[in-house]
Amino acid sequence: MGYFPTILVQSSFYTQSAYLDSMAELISAHYTTEQNDHLVFSYHGIPIQKNIKEEGISYRSQCIESTEGIAKKLGLPLFSYSTCFQSRLGRQEWTRPYAEEALQDLFKKGIRRVALVCPGFMIDCLETREEIGIELQAWWKKQGGISLTLLPCLNHRRFWVEQLAFFLSSL
């Protein structure tokens, strides 16, 4: 017989320091205020009718709480970052604000150089790289934006892997 690994399921970790510290370390390695005017935290949107709730907390609230936790670890001023949602499909209402809406609001405020991070993804996925890194970037420049830089996901970054291993060993 072969070896069957143990599978651990952690339903949410959006407030766990292992995750928040890893995201803060990742962002600080790739984001500078000299090259960017604003940092956008973009999460994968979900249909409003399927709004996930865990322990009575909505998906949207979990995302915003993640953003706030990461921003606090980074010491970001309140006006220097925002939260939005990407990946809509069809005509039904999805989690808002949509990425394009958030960027339009930033443009109206005179912001032209944006960095965008997708903290809901632990690893890069083709959909996000295409949707954000190519399509949204082209849309932003067409609107008159100067740059939209997609930051990488945590992927196999040593600090994240070490934090995750420590976190999982304590379960």
N, C-alpha and C. Protein backbone atom coordinates (compact mmCIF):
# COMPACT_ATOMS: atom_id res chain seq x y z
N MET A 1 0.83 -1.20 0.00
CA MET A 1 0.00 0.00 0.00
C MET A 1 0.86 1.25 0.00
N GLY A 2 0.31 2.28 -0.55
CA GLY A 2 1.02 3.55 -0.62
C GLY A 2 0.79 4.40 0.62
N TYR A 3 1.53 5.44 0.69
CA TYR A 3 1.41 6.41 1.78
C TYR A 3 0.30 7.39 1.47
N PHE A 4 -0.58 7.61 2.42
CA PHE A 4 -1.66 8.58 2.26
C PHE A 4 -1.43 9.71 3.26
N PRO A 5 -1.19 10.90 2.75
CA PRO A 5 -0.92 12.02 3.65
C PRO A 5 -2.16 12.42 4.44
N THR A 6 -1.92 12.98 5.58
CA THR A 6 -2.99 13.53 6.39
C THR A 6 -3.44 14.85 5.76
N ILE A 7 -4.72 15.03 5.67
CA ILE A 7 -5.25 16.27 5.11
C ILE A 7 -5.87 17.07 6.24
N LEU A 8 -5.37 18.28 6.41
CA LEU A 8 -5.91 19.20 7.40
C LEU A 8 -6.69 20.28 6.68
N VAL A 9 -7.85 20.59 7.18
CA VAL A 9 -8.66 21.65 6.59
C VAL A 9 -8.80 22.76 7.62
N GLN A 10 -8.35 23.94 7.24
CA GLN A 10 -8.49 25.12 8.09
C GLN A 10 -9.50 26.01 7.39
N SER A 11 -10.67 26.15 7.98
CA SER A 11 -11.75 26.85 7.29
C SER A 11 -11.43 28.32 7.00
N SER A 12 -10.80 29.01 7.90
CA SER A 12 -10.42 30.40 7.62
C SER A 12 -9.20 30.76 8.44
N PHE A 13 -8.40 31.63 7.89
CA PHE A 13 -7.22 32.08 8.61
C PHE A 13 -6.93 33.55 8.33
N TYR A 14 -7.97 34.27 7.94
CA TYR A 14 -7.79 35.66 7.54
C TYR A 14 -7.33 36.58 8.66
N THR A 15 -7.41 36.14 9.91
CA THR A 15 -6.93 36.96 11.03
C THR A 15 -5.71 36.34 11.71
N GLN A 16 -5.24 35.22 11.20
CA GLN A 16 -4.10 34.54 11.81
C GLN A 16 -2.81 35.28 11.50
N SER A 17 -1.96 35.43 12.50
CA SER A 17 -0.73 36.19 12.31
C SER A 17 0.19 35.54 11.27
N ALA A 18 0.19 34.22 11.13
CA ALA A 18 1.03 33.57 10.12
C ALA A 18 0.69 34.11 8.73
N TYR A 19 -0.59 34.24 8.45
CA TYR A 19 -1.04 34.76 7.16
C TYR A 19 -0.78 36.26 7.04
N LEU A 20 -1.19 37.03 8.05
CA LEU A 20 -1.02 38.48 8.01
C LEU A 20 0.45 38.88 7.92
N ASP A 21 1.30 38.22 8.71
CA ASP A 21 2.73 38.52 8.67
C ASP A 21 3.32 38.19 7.31
N SER A 22 2.91 37.06 6.74
CA SER A 22 3.43 36.65 5.43
C SER A 22 2.99 37.62 4.34
N MET A 23 1.74 38.04 4.38
CA MET A 23 1.26 39.02 3.38
C MET A 23 1.99 40.34 3.54
N ALA A 24 2.18 40.79 4.77
CA ALA A 24 2.90 42.05 5.01
C ALA A 24 4.34 41.95 4.50
N GLU A 25 4.99 40.82 4.75
CA GLU A 25 6.36 40.62 4.28
C GLU A 25 6.42 40.62 2.75
N LEU A 26 5.47 39.97 2.12
CA LEU A 26 5.40 39.93 0.65
C LEU A 26 5.21 41.33 0.08
N ILE A 27 4.24 42.05 0.61
CA ILE A 27 3.94 43.39 0.09
C ILE A 27 5.12 44.33 0.30
N SER A 28 5.73 44.28 1.48
CA SER A 28 6.86 45.18 1.73
C SER A 28 8.04 44.89 0.81
N ALA A 29 8.14 43.66 0.30
CA ALA A 29 9.21 43.31 -0.63
C ALA A 29 8.94 43.82 -2.05
N HIS A 30 7.68 44.13 -2.37
CA HIS A 30 7.32 44.49 -3.74
C HIS A 30 6.64 45.85 -3.91
N TYR A 31 6.30 46.50 -2.83
CA TYR A 31 5.52 47.74 -2.92
C TYR A 31 6.31 48.90 -2.33
N THR A 32 6.39 49.98 -3.09
CA THR A 32 7.01 51.20 -2.58
C THR A 32 6.12 52.39 -2.91
N THR A 33 6.10 53.34 -2.01
CA THR A 33 5.32 54.56 -2.25
C THR A 33 6.02 55.47 -3.25
N GLU A 34 7.30 55.24 -3.51
CA GLU A 34 8.01 56.02 -4.52
C GLU A 34 7.53 55.66 -5.92
N GLN A 35 7.11 54.40 -6.12
CA GLN A 35 6.68 53.94 -7.44
C GLN A 35 5.16 53.87 -7.57
N ASN A 36 4.44 53.95 -6.47
CA ASN A 36 2.99 53.80 -6.48
C ASN A 36 2.33 54.86 -5.62
N ASP A 37 1.12 55.27 -6.04
CA ASP A 37 0.35 56.24 -5.28
C ASP A 37 -0.64 55.57 -4.33
N HIS A 38 -0.96 54.30 -4.59
CA HIS A 38 -2.02 53.64 -3.84
C HIS A 38 -1.86 52.12 -3.94
N LEU A 39 -2.25 51.43 -2.88
CA LEU A 39 -2.22 49.96 -2.86
C LEU A 39 -3.66 49.45 -2.80
N VAL A 40 -4.02 48.63 -3.77
CA VAL A 40 -5.36 48.06 -3.84
C VAL A 40 -5.29 46.59 -3.45
N PHE A 41 -6.13 46.20 -2.51
CA PHE A 41 -6.28 44.80 -2.11
C PHE A 41 -7.52 44.29 -2.85
N SER A 42 -7.32 43.37 -3.79
CA SER A 42 -8.43 42.87 -4.58
C SER A 42 -8.67 41.39 -4.28
N TYR A 43 -9.89 41.09 -3.91
CA TYR A 43 -10.28 39.72 -3.57
C TYR A 43 -11.18 39.17 -4.66
N HIS A 44 -11.25 37.86 -4.74
CA HIS A 44 -12.11 37.22 -5.73
C HIS A 44 -13.56 37.49 -5.35
N GLY A 45 -14.33 38.05 -6.27
CA GLY A 45 -15.73 38.34 -6.00
C GLY A 45 -16.57 37.07 -5.99
N ILE A 46 -17.66 37.09 -5.24
CA ILE A 46 -18.62 35.99 -5.25
C ILE A 46 -20.02 36.56 -5.42
N PRO A 47 -20.94 35.77 -5.97
CA PRO A 47 -22.32 36.28 -6.12
C PRO A 47 -22.94 36.61 -4.77
N ILE A 48 -23.68 37.70 -4.71
CA ILE A 48 -24.31 38.13 -3.47
C ILE A 48 -25.23 37.03 -2.92
N GLN A 49 -25.95 36.34 -3.80
CA GLN A 49 -26.86 35.28 -3.35
C GLN A 49 -26.11 34.13 -2.69
N LYS A 50 -24.83 33.99 -2.99
CA LYS A 50 -24.03 32.90 -2.42
C LYS A 50 -23.03 33.45 -1.40
N ASN A 51 -23.34 34.58 -0.81
CA ASN A 51 -22.41 35.21 0.12
C ASN A 51 -22.08 34.24 1.25
N ILE A 52 -20.83 33.89 1.35
CA ILE A 52 -20.36 32.92 2.32
C ILE A 52 -20.31 33.57 3.70
N LYS A 53 -20.85 32.88 4.67
CA LYS A 53 -20.75 33.36 6.05
C LYS A 53 -20.13 32.27 6.90
N GLU A 54 -19.21 32.67 7.73
CA GLU A 54 -18.58 31.75 8.64
C GLU A 54 -18.62 32.40 10.01
N GLU A 55 -19.17 31.70 10.96
CA GLU A 55 -19.33 32.24 12.31
C GLU A 55 -20.06 33.58 12.27
N GLY A 56 -21.02 33.71 11.35
CA GLY A 56 -21.83 34.92 11.25
C GLY A 56 -21.14 36.09 10.58
N ILE A 57 -19.93 35.89 10.08
CA ILE A 57 -19.18 36.98 9.44
C ILE A 57 -19.21 36.75 7.94
N SER A 58 -19.62 37.77 7.19
CA SER A 58 -19.73 37.63 5.74
C SER A 58 -18.36 37.57 5.08
N TYR A 59 -18.33 37.02 3.90
CA TYR A 59 -17.11 36.95 3.10
C TYR A 59 -16.52 38.34 2.91
N ARG A 60 -17.35 39.31 2.56
CA ARG A 60 -16.89 40.68 2.36
C ARG A 60 -16.23 41.22 3.63
N SER A 61 -16.84 40.99 4.77
CA SER A 61 -16.28 41.45 6.05
C SER A 61 -14.94 40.79 6.34
N GLN A 62 -14.83 39.50 6.01
CA GLN A 62 -13.56 38.79 6.21
C GLN A 62 -12.46 39.41 5.35
N CYS A 63 -12.80 39.73 4.11
CA CYS A 63 -11.82 40.35 3.21
C CYS A 63 -11.38 41.71 3.74
N ILE A 64 -12.32 42.51 4.15
CA ILE A 64 -11.99 43.84 4.67
C ILE A 64 -11.16 43.73 5.94
N GLU A 65 -11.49 42.76 6.79
CA GLU A 65 -10.71 42.56 8.01
C GLU A 65 -9.28 42.12 7.68
N SER A 66 -9.13 41.28 6.65
CA SER A 66 -7.78 40.89 6.20
C SER A 66 -7.01 42.12 5.75
N THR A 67 -7.63 42.94 4.91
CA THR A 67 -6.98 44.15 4.43
C THR A 67 -6.53 45.01 5.60
N GLU A 68 -7.42 45.23 6.55
CA GLU A 68 -7.09 46.08 7.70
C GLU A 68 -5.94 45.49 8.51
N GLY A 69 -5.95 44.17 8.70
CA GLY A 69 -4.88 43.52 9.46
C GLY A 69 -3.53 43.64 8.77
N ILE A 70 -3.52 43.45 7.47
CA ILE A 70 -2.28 43.56 6.70
C ILE A 70 -1.80 45.01 6.68
N ALA A 71 -2.71 45.93 6.43
CA ALA A 71 -2.36 47.35 6.40
C ALA A 71 -1.79 47.81 7.74
N LYS A 72 -2.36 47.31 8.82
CA LYS A 72 -1.87 47.67 10.15
C LYS A 72 -0.44 47.16 10.35
N LYS A 73 -0.19 45.93 9.93
CA LYS A 73 1.16 45.37 10.05
C LYS A 73 2.16 46.17 9.22
N LEU A 74 1.72 46.69 8.09
CA LEU A 74 2.58 47.48 7.22
C LEU A 74 2.69 48.94 7.66
N GLY A 75 1.81 49.36 8.56
CA GLY A 75 1.79 50.76 8.99
C GLY A 75 1.30 51.71 7.91
N LEU A 76 0.38 51.22 7.06
CA LEU A 76 -0.13 52.06 5.97
C LEU A 76 -1.14 53.08 6.47
N PRO A 77 -1.03 54.32 6.04
CA PRO A 77 -2.06 55.30 6.37
C PRO A 77 -3.38 54.91 5.72
N LEU A 78 -4.49 55.23 6.34
CA LEU A 78 -5.82 54.83 5.89
C LEU A 78 -6.10 55.22 4.44
N PHE A 79 -5.70 56.39 4.02
CA PHE A 79 -5.99 56.87 2.67
C PHE A 79 -5.13 56.21 1.58
N SER A 80 -4.12 55.43 1.96
CA SER A 80 -3.15 54.91 0.99
C SER A 80 -3.50 53.53 0.43
N TYR A 81 -4.61 52.95 0.85
CA TYR A 81 -4.99 51.62 0.38
C TYR A 81 -6.51 51.51 0.34
N SER A 82 -6.98 50.51 -0.40
CA SER A 82 -8.42 50.26 -0.48
C SER A 82 -8.66 48.80 -0.83
N THR A 83 -9.93 48.38 -0.72
CA THR A 83 -10.33 47.00 -0.98
C THR A 83 -11.35 46.96 -2.11
N CYS A 84 -11.19 45.99 -3.00
CA CYS A 84 -12.17 45.78 -4.06
C CYS A 84 -12.27 44.29 -4.38
N PHE A 85 -13.08 43.96 -5.39
CA PHE A 85 -13.34 42.56 -5.74
C PHE A 85 -13.33 42.41 -7.26
N GLN A 86 -12.74 41.33 -7.73
CA GLN A 86 -12.65 41.06 -9.16
C GLN A 86 -13.39 39.77 -9.50
N SER A 87 -13.44 39.45 -10.79
CA SER A 87 -13.94 38.18 -11.32
C SER A 87 -15.45 38.02 -11.23
N ARG A 88 -16.15 38.88 -11.93
CA ARG A 88 -17.61 38.73 -12.03
C ARG A 88 -17.93 37.89 -13.26
N LEU A 89 -19.07 37.21 -13.23
CA LEU A 89 -19.52 36.43 -14.36
C LEU A 89 -21.03 36.56 -14.44
N GLY A 90 -21.53 36.94 -15.58
CA GLY A 90 -22.97 37.09 -15.75
C GLY A 90 -23.47 38.43 -15.25
N ARG A 91 -24.81 38.53 -15.15
CA ARG A 91 -25.43 39.82 -14.81
C ARG A 91 -25.81 39.98 -13.34
N GLN A 92 -25.74 38.92 -12.56
CA GLN A 92 -26.18 39.05 -11.18
C GLN A 92 -25.20 39.88 -10.35
N GLU A 93 -25.69 40.41 -9.26
CA GLU A 93 -24.90 41.25 -8.36
C GLU A 93 -23.81 40.43 -7.67
N TRP A 94 -22.59 40.96 -7.68
CA TRP A 94 -21.45 40.33 -7.03
C TRP A 94 -20.94 41.25 -5.93
N THR A 95 -20.01 40.75 -5.14
CA THR A 95 -19.42 41.52 -4.06
C THR A 95 -18.83 42.82 -4.62
N ARG A 96 -19.08 43.91 -3.92
CA ARG A 96 -18.63 45.23 -4.37
C ARG A 96 -17.75 45.89 -3.32
N PRO A 97 -16.98 46.87 -3.72
CA PRO A 97 -16.93 47.49 -5.04
C PRO A 97 -16.14 46.63 -6.02
N TYR A 98 -16.56 46.65 -7.28
CA TYR A 98 -15.85 45.96 -8.33
C TYR A 98 -14.50 46.66 -8.55
N ALA A 99 -13.55 45.92 -9.06
CA ALA A 99 -12.21 46.48 -9.27
C ALA A 99 -12.26 47.74 -10.15
N GLU A 100 -13.03 47.69 -11.23
CA GLU A 100 -13.10 48.85 -12.12
C GLU A 100 -13.70 50.05 -11.41
N GLU A 101 -14.73 49.83 -10.59
CA GLU A 101 -15.34 50.94 -9.83
C GLU A 101 -14.33 51.56 -8.87
N ALA A 102 -13.60 50.71 -8.17
CA ALA A 102 -12.61 51.20 -7.21
C ALA A 102 -11.52 52.01 -7.92
N LEU A 103 -11.08 51.51 -9.06
CA LEU A 103 -10.05 52.23 -9.82
C LEU A 103 -10.57 53.55 -10.38
N GLN A 104 -11.83 53.57 -10.82
CA GLN A 104 -12.42 54.82 -11.30
C GLN A 104 -12.44 55.86 -10.18
N ASP A 105 -12.81 55.43 -8.98
CA ASP A 105 -12.80 56.34 -7.84
C ASP A 105 -11.40 56.88 -7.55
N LEU A 106 -10.40 56.00 -7.64
CA LEU A 106 -9.01 56.43 -7.42
C LEU A 106 -8.58 57.43 -8.49
N PHE A 107 -8.96 57.16 -9.73
CA PHE A 107 -8.61 58.06 -10.83
C PHE A 107 -9.20 59.45 -10.59
N LYS A 108 -10.47 59.49 -10.13
CA LYS A 108 -11.12 60.78 -9.84
C LYS A 108 -10.38 61.55 -8.75
N LYS A 109 -9.68 60.82 -7.87
CA LYS A 109 -8.91 61.45 -6.79
C LYS A 109 -7.51 61.83 -7.23
N GLY A 110 -7.19 61.61 -8.51
CA GLY A 110 -5.88 61.98 -9.02
C GLY A 110 -4.82 60.90 -8.91
N ILE A 111 -5.22 59.71 -8.52
CA ILE A 111 -4.27 58.60 -8.39
C ILE A 111 -4.06 57.95 -9.75
N ARG A 112 -2.80 57.80 -10.15
CA ARG A 112 -2.49 57.26 -11.48
C ARG A 112 -1.58 56.04 -11.44
N ARG A 113 -0.85 55.86 -10.33
CA ARG A 113 0.07 54.73 -10.21
C ARG A 113 -0.41 53.82 -9.08
N VAL A 114 -0.87 52.63 -9.47
CA VAL A 114 -1.50 51.71 -8.52
C VAL A 114 -0.76 50.39 -8.48
N ALA A 115 -0.58 49.86 -7.28
CA ALA A 115 -0.12 48.48 -7.09
C ALA A 115 -1.33 47.70 -6.60
N LEU A 116 -1.47 46.48 -7.06
CA LEU A 116 -2.63 45.67 -6.70
C LEU A 116 -2.16 44.30 -6.22
N VAL A 117 -2.67 43.87 -5.09
CA VAL A 117 -2.34 42.57 -4.53
C VAL A 117 -3.64 41.78 -4.34
N CYS A 118 -3.58 40.48 -4.54
CA CYS A 118 -4.75 39.60 -4.41
C CYS A 118 -4.53 38.65 -3.23
N PRO A 119 -4.80 39.11 -2.00
CA PRO A 119 -4.50 38.31 -0.82
C PRO A 119 -5.36 37.07 -0.65
N GLY A 120 -6.44 36.95 -1.42
CA GLY A 120 -7.29 35.77 -1.32
C GLY A 120 -6.71 34.55 -2.01
N PHE A 121 -5.66 34.75 -2.78
CA PHE A 121 -5.01 33.64 -3.47
C PHE A 121 -3.65 33.38 -2.84
N MET A 122 -3.41 32.16 -2.42
CA MET A 122 -2.12 31.81 -1.84
C MET A 122 -1.08 31.57 -2.93
N ILE A 123 -1.56 31.13 -4.10
CA ILE A 123 -0.66 30.90 -5.23
C ILE A 123 -1.21 31.63 -6.45
N ASP A 124 -0.31 32.04 -7.33
CA ASP A 124 -0.73 32.70 -8.55
C ASP A 124 -1.63 31.78 -9.34
N CYS A 125 -2.66 32.34 -9.93
CA CYS A 125 -3.52 31.53 -10.80
C CYS A 125 -3.63 32.25 -12.14
N LEU A 126 -3.80 31.47 -13.18
CA LEU A 126 -3.84 32.01 -14.53
C LEU A 126 -4.96 33.04 -14.68
N GLU A 127 -6.12 32.77 -14.09
CA GLU A 127 -7.26 33.70 -14.20
C GLU A 127 -6.89 35.08 -13.68
N THR A 128 -6.29 35.16 -12.51
CA THR A 128 -5.94 36.45 -11.93
C THR A 128 -4.82 37.12 -12.71
N ARG A 129 -3.84 36.37 -13.13
CA ARG A 129 -2.75 36.96 -13.91
C ARG A 129 -3.30 37.56 -15.21
N GLU A 130 -4.25 36.87 -15.84
CA GLU A 130 -4.86 37.37 -17.08
C GLU A 130 -5.79 38.54 -16.78
N GLU A 131 -6.70 38.33 -15.84
CA GLU A 131 -7.74 39.32 -15.56
C GLU A 131 -7.18 40.62 -14.98
N ILE A 132 -6.25 40.51 -14.05
CA ILE A 132 -5.69 41.70 -13.41
C ILE A 132 -4.42 42.17 -14.12
N GLY A 133 -3.48 41.25 -14.30
CA GLY A 133 -2.18 41.60 -14.83
C GLY A 133 -2.17 42.02 -16.28
N ILE A 134 -3.20 41.63 -17.03
CA ILE A 134 -3.25 42.00 -18.45
C ILE A 134 -4.49 42.86 -18.74
N GLU A 135 -5.69 42.30 -18.52
CA GLU A 135 -6.92 43.01 -18.90
C GLU A 135 -7.15 44.28 -18.08
N LEU A 136 -7.11 44.17 -16.75
CA LEU A 136 -7.36 45.35 -15.92
C LEU A 136 -6.25 46.38 -16.08
N GLN A 137 -5.03 45.91 -16.26
CA GLN A 137 -3.92 46.82 -16.49
C GLN A 137 -4.13 47.61 -17.79
N ALA A 138 -4.55 46.93 -18.85
CA ALA A 138 -4.81 47.61 -20.13
C ALA A 138 -5.97 48.59 -19.98
N TRP A 139 -7.02 48.18 -19.28
CA TRP A 139 -8.18 49.04 -19.04
C TRP A 139 -7.76 50.30 -18.28
N TRP A 140 -6.93 50.13 -17.24
CA TRP A 140 -6.46 51.24 -16.42
C TRP A 140 -5.68 52.25 -17.27
N LYS A 141 -4.81 51.75 -18.10
CA LYS A 141 -4.02 52.65 -18.96
C LYS A 141 -4.91 53.35 -19.98
N LYS A 142 -5.92 52.67 -20.48
CA LYS A 142 -6.86 53.28 -21.42
C LYS A 142 -7.63 54.42 -20.76
N GLN A 143 -7.89 54.30 -19.45
CA GLN A 143 -8.59 55.34 -18.70
C GLN A 143 -7.70 56.54 -18.43
N GLY A 144 -6.39 56.37 -18.63
CA GLY A 144 -5.44 57.46 -18.37
C GLY A 144 -4.51 57.18 -17.21
N GLY A 145 -4.63 55.99 -16.60
CA GLY A 145 -3.72 55.61 -15.53
C GLY A 145 -2.32 55.41 -16.05
N ILE A 146 -1.33 55.64 -15.23
CA ILE A 146 0.07 55.49 -15.65
C ILE A 146 0.52 54.04 -15.49
N SER A 147 0.27 53.45 -14.33
CA SER A 147 0.71 52.07 -14.11
C SER A 147 -0.23 51.35 -13.15
N LEU A 148 -0.39 50.08 -13.39
CA LEU A 148 -1.10 49.17 -12.49
C LEU A 148 -0.21 47.94 -12.39
N THR A 149 0.40 47.76 -11.24
CA THR A 149 1.35 46.68 -11.03
C THR A 149 0.71 45.59 -10.18
N LEU A 150 0.63 44.39 -10.72
CA LEU A 150 0.11 43.24 -9.97
C LEU A 150 1.24 42.64 -9.16
N LEU A 151 1.09 42.64 -7.83
CA LEU A 151 2.08 42.03 -6.96
C LEU A 151 1.89 40.51 -7.00
N PRO A 152 2.96 39.74 -6.77
CA PRO A 152 2.82 38.27 -6.80
C PRO A 152 2.04 37.77 -5.59
N CYS A 153 1.59 36.53 -5.68
CA CYS A 153 0.95 35.87 -4.54
C CYS A 153 2.04 35.29 -3.65
N LEU A 154 1.63 34.72 -2.53
CA LEU A 154 2.60 34.16 -1.59
C LEU A 154 3.41 33.01 -2.20
N ASN A 155 2.75 32.19 -3.02
CA ASN A 155 3.42 31.08 -3.69
C ASN A 155 4.28 30.27 -2.73
N HIS A 156 5.52 30.04 -3.09
CA HIS A 156 6.40 29.20 -2.28
C HIS A 156 7.43 30.04 -1.50
N ARG A 157 7.09 31.29 -1.23
CA ARG A 157 8.01 32.15 -0.48
C ARG A 157 8.37 31.49 0.85
N ARG A 158 9.63 31.46 1.13
CA ARG A 158 10.14 30.75 2.31
C ARG A 158 9.43 31.18 3.60
N PHE A 159 9.29 32.48 3.80
CA PHE A 159 8.67 32.97 5.03
C PHE A 159 7.24 32.42 5.17
N TRP A 160 6.47 32.43 4.08
CA TRP A 160 5.10 31.92 4.10
C TRP A 160 5.09 30.42 4.39
N VAL A 161 5.92 29.66 3.74
CA VAL A 161 5.97 28.21 3.95
C VAL A 161 6.32 27.91 5.40
N GLU A 162 7.30 28.62 5.94
CA GLU A 162 7.68 28.42 7.34
C GLU A 162 6.54 28.79 8.28
N GLN A 163 5.89 29.93 8.02
CA GLN A 163 4.76 30.36 8.85
C GLN A 163 3.60 29.37 8.77
N LEU A 164 3.31 28.89 7.56
CA LEU A 164 2.24 27.93 7.37
C LEU A 164 2.53 26.62 8.08
N ALA A 165 3.76 26.14 7.98
CA ALA A 165 4.14 24.90 8.65
C ALA A 165 4.00 25.05 10.17
N PHE A 166 4.44 26.17 10.70
CA PHE A 166 4.31 26.42 12.14
C PHE A 166 2.84 26.50 12.54
N PHE A 167 2.05 27.20 11.75
CA PHE A 167 0.62 27.35 12.02
C PHE A 167 -0.07 25.98 12.01
N LEU A 168 0.20 25.18 10.99
CA LEU A 168 -0.45 23.87 10.88
C LEU A 168 0.01 22.91 11.98
N SER A 169 1.24 23.04 12.42
CA SER A 169 1.72 22.15 13.49
C SER A 169 1.05 22.45 14.82
N SER A 170 0.48 23.64 14.94
CA SER A 170 -0.17 24.01 16.21
C SER A 170 -1.66 23.66 16.22
N LEU A 171 -2.18 23.11 15.14
CA LEU A 171 -3.61 22.75 15.09
C LEU A 171 -3.88 21.47 15.86
